[in-house]
Amino acid sequence: MPKCLECDAEITLKADVETGEIIDCPDCGTEFEVRSVDPPTLDHAPQEEEDWGE
């Protein structure tokens, strides 16, 4: 079971989770991208750029 990179909480992945899926830490809410399913590997989700109406 992977751990949050921010608060070290355990993150439970659903059985049908897919690579590239975005999940949230249940404790701190940080978003992560599933990089690998076997073994389960998480990385910080890409940040969306602000769109100031351009």
N, C-alpha and C. Protein backbone atom coordinates (compact mmCIF):
# COMPACT_ATOMS: atom_id res chain seq x y z
N MET A 1 0.85 -1.18 0.00
CA MET A 1 0.00 0.00 0.00
C MET A 1 0.90 1.24 0.00
N PRO A 2 0.67 2.13 -0.98
CA PRO A 2 1.51 3.34 -1.04
C PRO A 2 1.18 4.32 0.09
N LYS A 3 2.14 5.18 0.37
CA LYS A 3 1.96 6.21 1.40
C LYS A 3 1.98 7.58 0.75
N CYS A 4 1.26 8.50 1.38
CA CYS A 4 1.23 9.89 0.91
C CYS A 4 2.63 10.48 1.01
N LEU A 5 3.03 11.19 -0.04
CA LEU A 5 4.34 11.82 -0.06
C LEU A 5 4.39 13.08 0.80
N GLU A 6 3.23 13.57 1.23
CA GLU A 6 3.17 14.79 2.04
C GLU A 6 3.02 14.48 3.53
N CYS A 7 2.03 13.63 3.88
CA CYS A 7 1.73 13.42 5.31
C CYS A 7 2.00 11.99 5.77
N ASP A 8 2.45 11.12 4.88
CA ASP A 8 2.84 9.74 5.19
C ASP A 8 1.65 8.84 5.55
N ALA A 9 0.43 9.28 5.24
CA ALA A 9 -0.75 8.43 5.48
C ALA A 9 -0.79 7.31 4.44
N GLU A 10 -1.33 6.17 4.83
CA GLU A 10 -1.49 5.08 3.87
C GLU A 10 -2.65 5.39 2.94
N ILE A 11 -2.44 5.16 1.65
CA ILE A 11 -3.47 5.41 0.65
C ILE A 11 -3.92 4.07 0.08
N THR A 12 -5.19 3.78 0.24
CA THR A 12 -5.74 2.54 -0.28
C THR A 12 -6.19 2.74 -1.71
N LEU A 13 -5.65 1.94 -2.60
CA LEU A 13 -6.03 2.01 -4.00
C LEU A 13 -7.14 1.00 -4.28
N LYS A 14 -8.11 1.41 -5.10
CA LYS A 14 -9.18 0.50 -5.49
C LYS A 14 -8.60 -0.62 -6.34
N ALA A 15 -9.28 -1.76 -6.37
CA ALA A 15 -8.81 -2.90 -7.15
C ALA A 15 -8.76 -2.58 -8.64
N ASP A 16 -9.63 -1.67 -9.10
CA ASP A 16 -9.69 -1.37 -10.53
C ASP A 16 -8.96 -0.07 -10.90
N VAL A 17 -8.06 0.40 -10.02
CA VAL A 17 -7.31 1.62 -10.31
C VAL A 17 -6.43 1.41 -11.54
N GLU A 18 -6.27 2.47 -12.33
CA GLU A 18 -5.49 2.39 -13.56
C GLU A 18 -4.33 3.39 -13.52
N THR A 19 -3.28 3.07 -14.24
CA THR A 19 -2.14 3.97 -14.37
C THR A 19 -2.62 5.29 -14.99
N GLY A 20 -2.17 6.40 -14.43
CA GLY A 20 -2.57 7.71 -14.92
C GLY A 20 -3.76 8.30 -14.18
N GLU A 21 -4.41 7.50 -13.35
CA GLU A 21 -5.58 7.98 -12.60
C GLU A 21 -5.11 8.94 -11.50
N ILE A 22 -5.92 9.95 -11.22
CA ILE A 22 -5.63 10.92 -10.16
C ILE A 22 -6.42 10.52 -8.92
N ILE A 23 -5.72 10.42 -7.80
CA ILE A 23 -6.37 10.07 -6.53
C ILE A 23 -5.98 11.10 -5.48
N ASP A 24 -6.78 11.18 -4.42
CA ASP A 24 -6.52 12.12 -3.34
C ASP A 24 -6.12 11.37 -2.08
N CYS A 25 -5.23 11.99 -1.30
CA CYS A 25 -4.90 11.45 0.01
C CYS A 25 -6.12 11.66 0.91
N PRO A 26 -6.58 10.61 1.61
CA PRO A 26 -7.75 10.77 2.48
C PRO A 26 -7.50 11.67 3.69
N ASP A 27 -6.23 11.87 4.06
CA ASP A 27 -5.93 12.68 5.24
C ASP A 27 -5.68 14.15 4.91
N CYS A 28 -4.80 14.42 3.93
CA CYS A 28 -4.44 15.82 3.67
C CYS A 28 -5.01 16.36 2.36
N GLY A 29 -5.57 15.49 1.49
CA GLY A 29 -6.21 15.94 0.27
C GLY A 29 -5.28 16.19 -0.89
N THR A 30 -3.98 15.93 -0.73
CA THR A 30 -3.03 16.13 -1.83
C THR A 30 -3.37 15.19 -2.98
N GLU A 31 -3.29 15.69 -4.21
CA GLU A 31 -3.60 14.87 -5.37
C GLU A 31 -2.35 14.17 -5.88
N PHE A 32 -2.51 12.90 -6.23
CA PHE A 32 -1.42 12.10 -6.76
C PHE A 32 -1.86 11.42 -8.04
N GLU A 33 -0.89 11.16 -8.90
CA GLU A 33 -1.14 10.40 -10.11
C GLU A 33 -0.58 8.99 -9.89
N VAL A 34 -1.36 7.98 -10.27
CA VAL A 34 -0.90 6.61 -10.18
C VAL A 34 0.08 6.38 -11.32
N ARG A 35 1.34 6.15 -11.00
CA ARG A 35 2.37 5.95 -12.01
C ARG A 35 2.52 4.48 -12.39
N SER A 36 2.23 3.60 -11.43
CA SER A 36 2.34 2.16 -11.66
C SER A 36 1.34 1.47 -10.75
N VAL A 37 0.76 0.37 -11.25
CA VAL A 37 -0.20 -0.38 -10.45
C VAL A 37 0.48 -1.53 -9.73
N ASP A 38 1.48 -2.15 -10.37
CA ASP A 38 2.16 -3.30 -9.76
C ASP A 38 3.66 -3.15 -9.95
N PRO A 39 4.40 -2.69 -8.96
CA PRO A 39 3.94 -2.30 -7.62
C PRO A 39 3.27 -0.93 -7.65
N PRO A 40 2.38 -0.67 -6.68
CA PRO A 40 1.70 0.62 -6.64
C PRO A 40 2.68 1.76 -6.38
N THR A 41 2.73 2.72 -7.31
CA THR A 41 3.64 3.85 -7.20
C THR A 41 2.86 5.13 -7.47
N LEU A 42 3.04 6.12 -6.60
CA LEU A 42 2.37 7.41 -6.75
C LEU A 42 3.40 8.51 -6.96
N ASP A 43 2.97 9.56 -7.65
CA ASP A 43 3.78 10.76 -7.81
C ASP A 43 2.83 11.95 -7.73
N HIS A 44 3.35 13.12 -7.43
CA HIS A 44 2.48 14.30 -7.36
C HIS A 44 1.77 14.49 -8.69
N ALA A 45 0.50 14.80 -8.63
CA ALA A 45 -0.29 15.04 -9.84
C ALA A 45 0.21 16.31 -10.51
N PRO A 46 0.18 16.34 -11.84
CA PRO A 46 0.59 17.57 -12.53
C PRO A 46 -0.33 18.72 -12.15
N GLN A 47 0.26 19.87 -11.93
CA GLN A 47 -0.51 21.04 -11.55
C GLN A 47 -1.08 21.70 -12.80
N GLU A 48 -2.35 22.07 -12.74
CA GLU A 48 -2.95 22.77 -13.85
C GLU A 48 -2.55 24.24 -13.81
N GLU A 49 -2.26 24.76 -14.98
CA GLU A 49 -1.90 26.18 -15.06
C GLU A 49 -3.16 27.03 -14.91
N GLU A 50 -3.01 28.18 -14.27
CA GLU A 50 -4.12 29.10 -14.14
C GLU A 50 -4.48 29.66 -15.51
N ASP A 51 -5.75 29.73 -15.80
CA ASP A 51 -6.20 30.32 -17.05
C ASP A 51 -6.88 31.63 -16.71
N TRP A 52 -6.20 32.71 -16.98
CA TRP A 52 -6.71 34.03 -16.62
C TRP A 52 -7.52 34.63 -17.75
N GLY A 53 -8.26 33.79 -18.50
CA GLY A 53 -9.11 34.27 -19.55
C GLY A 53 -8.37 34.58 -20.83
N GLU A 54 -7.19 34.04 -20.97
CA GLU A 54 -6.40 34.30 -22.18
C GLU A 54 -6.79 33.36 -23.29
